[in-house]
Amino acid sequence: MAWEDCEACTEAQDQCRYHRGFFDGQDYQSSLIKTLLADDTAMDHLQERHAELETRRTQTAAATPTPEGGRT
């Protein structure tokens, strides 16, 4: 629901806790994206971390037995 139609926002005569948190989260994500676009070191770190997580996910999937008792 849009904050303009939110009864809690109307009652508070401002943004309610949900919408305040939602917009704060959007601002935070926007700041992270702007940092990544402007800072090559931050982008490299993010890509390395993403590769580590993808490797871990692949290893976990390969080690998980299938219902037939084999490996995936």
Protein backbone atom coordinates (compact mmCIF):
# COMPACT_ATOMS: atom_id res chain seq x y z
CA MET A 1 0.00 0.00 0.00
CA ALA A 2 1.27 3.47 -0.78
CA TRP A 3 2.13 5.63 2.19
CA GLU A 4 -0.47 8.17 1.06
CA ASP A 5 -3.22 5.60 1.68
CA CYS A 6 -1.75 4.12 4.88
CA GLU A 7 -3.97 4.58 7.93
CA ALA A 8 -0.98 4.38 10.29
CA CYS A 9 0.80 7.16 8.37
CA THR A 10 -2.37 9.26 8.49
CA GLU A 11 -2.71 8.66 12.22
CA ALA A 12 0.94 9.56 12.85
CA GLN A 13 0.68 12.53 10.49
CA ASP A 14 4.01 11.32 9.16
CA GLN A 15 5.39 8.03 7.87
CA CYS A 16 4.54 5.02 10.01
CA ARG A 17 7.33 2.70 11.22
CA TYR A 18 6.86 0.37 8.24
CA HIS A 19 7.09 3.07 5.59
CA ARG A 20 9.91 4.92 7.38
CA GLY A 21 11.90 1.68 7.48
CA PHE A 22 11.05 0.88 3.88
CA PHE A 23 12.28 4.25 2.65
CA ASP A 24 15.37 4.12 4.89
CA GLY A 25 16.17 0.72 3.37
CA GLN A 26 15.79 2.10 -0.14
CA ASP A 27 18.09 5.01 0.71
CA TYR A 28 20.66 2.58 2.13
CA GLN A 29 20.57 0.39 -0.98
CA SER A 30 20.85 3.46 -3.19
CA SER A 31 23.95 4.56 -1.28
CA LEU A 32 25.51 1.10 -1.67
CA ILE A 33 24.86 1.06 -5.40
CA LYS A 34 26.31 4.55 -5.83
CA THR A 35 29.40 3.48 -3.87
CA LEU A 36 29.85 0.40 -6.04
CA LEU A 37 29.51 2.43 -9.21
CA ALA A 38 32.10 4.97 -8.03
CA ASP A 39 34.60 2.74 -6.16
CA ASP A 40 36.45 0.04 -8.10
CA THR A 41 37.85 -1.51 -4.90
CA ALA A 42 34.37 -1.94 -3.46
CA MET A 43 33.16 -3.51 -6.72
CA ASP A 44 36.11 -5.94 -6.76
CA HIS A 45 35.40 -6.94 -3.16
CA LEU A 46 31.72 -7.50 -3.96
CA GLN A 47 32.55 -9.64 -7.00
CA GLU A 48 35.03 -11.73 -4.99
CA ARG A 49 32.48 -12.28 -2.25
CA HIS A 50 29.82 -13.23 -4.80
CA ALA A 51 32.20 -15.77 -6.36
CA GLU A 52 32.95 -17.26 -2.92
CA LEU A 53 29.24 -17.65 -2.17
CA GLU A 54 28.56 -19.17 -5.59
CA THR A 55 31.40 -21.69 -5.07
CA ARG A 56 30.03 -22.62 -1.65
CA ARG A 57 26.52 -23.04 -3.09
CA THR A 58 27.84 -25.26 -5.89
CA GLN A 59 29.84 -27.40 -3.45
CA THR A 60 26.85 -27.79 -1.14
CA ALA A 61 24.61 -28.78 -4.05
CA ALA A 62 27.15 -31.33 -5.27
CA ALA A 63 27.44 -32.87 -1.80
CA THR A 64 23.68 -33.14 -1.27
CA PRO A 65 22.37 -36.65 -1.95
CA THR A 66 19.45 -37.05 -4.32
CA PRO A 67 16.30 -38.92 -3.19
CA GLU A 68 17.53 -42.00 -5.09
CA GLY A 69 20.62 -42.12 -2.88
CA GLY A 70 23.02 -40.76 -5.48
CA ARG A 71 24.73 -37.44 -5.62
CA THR A 72 23.55 -34.43 -7.55
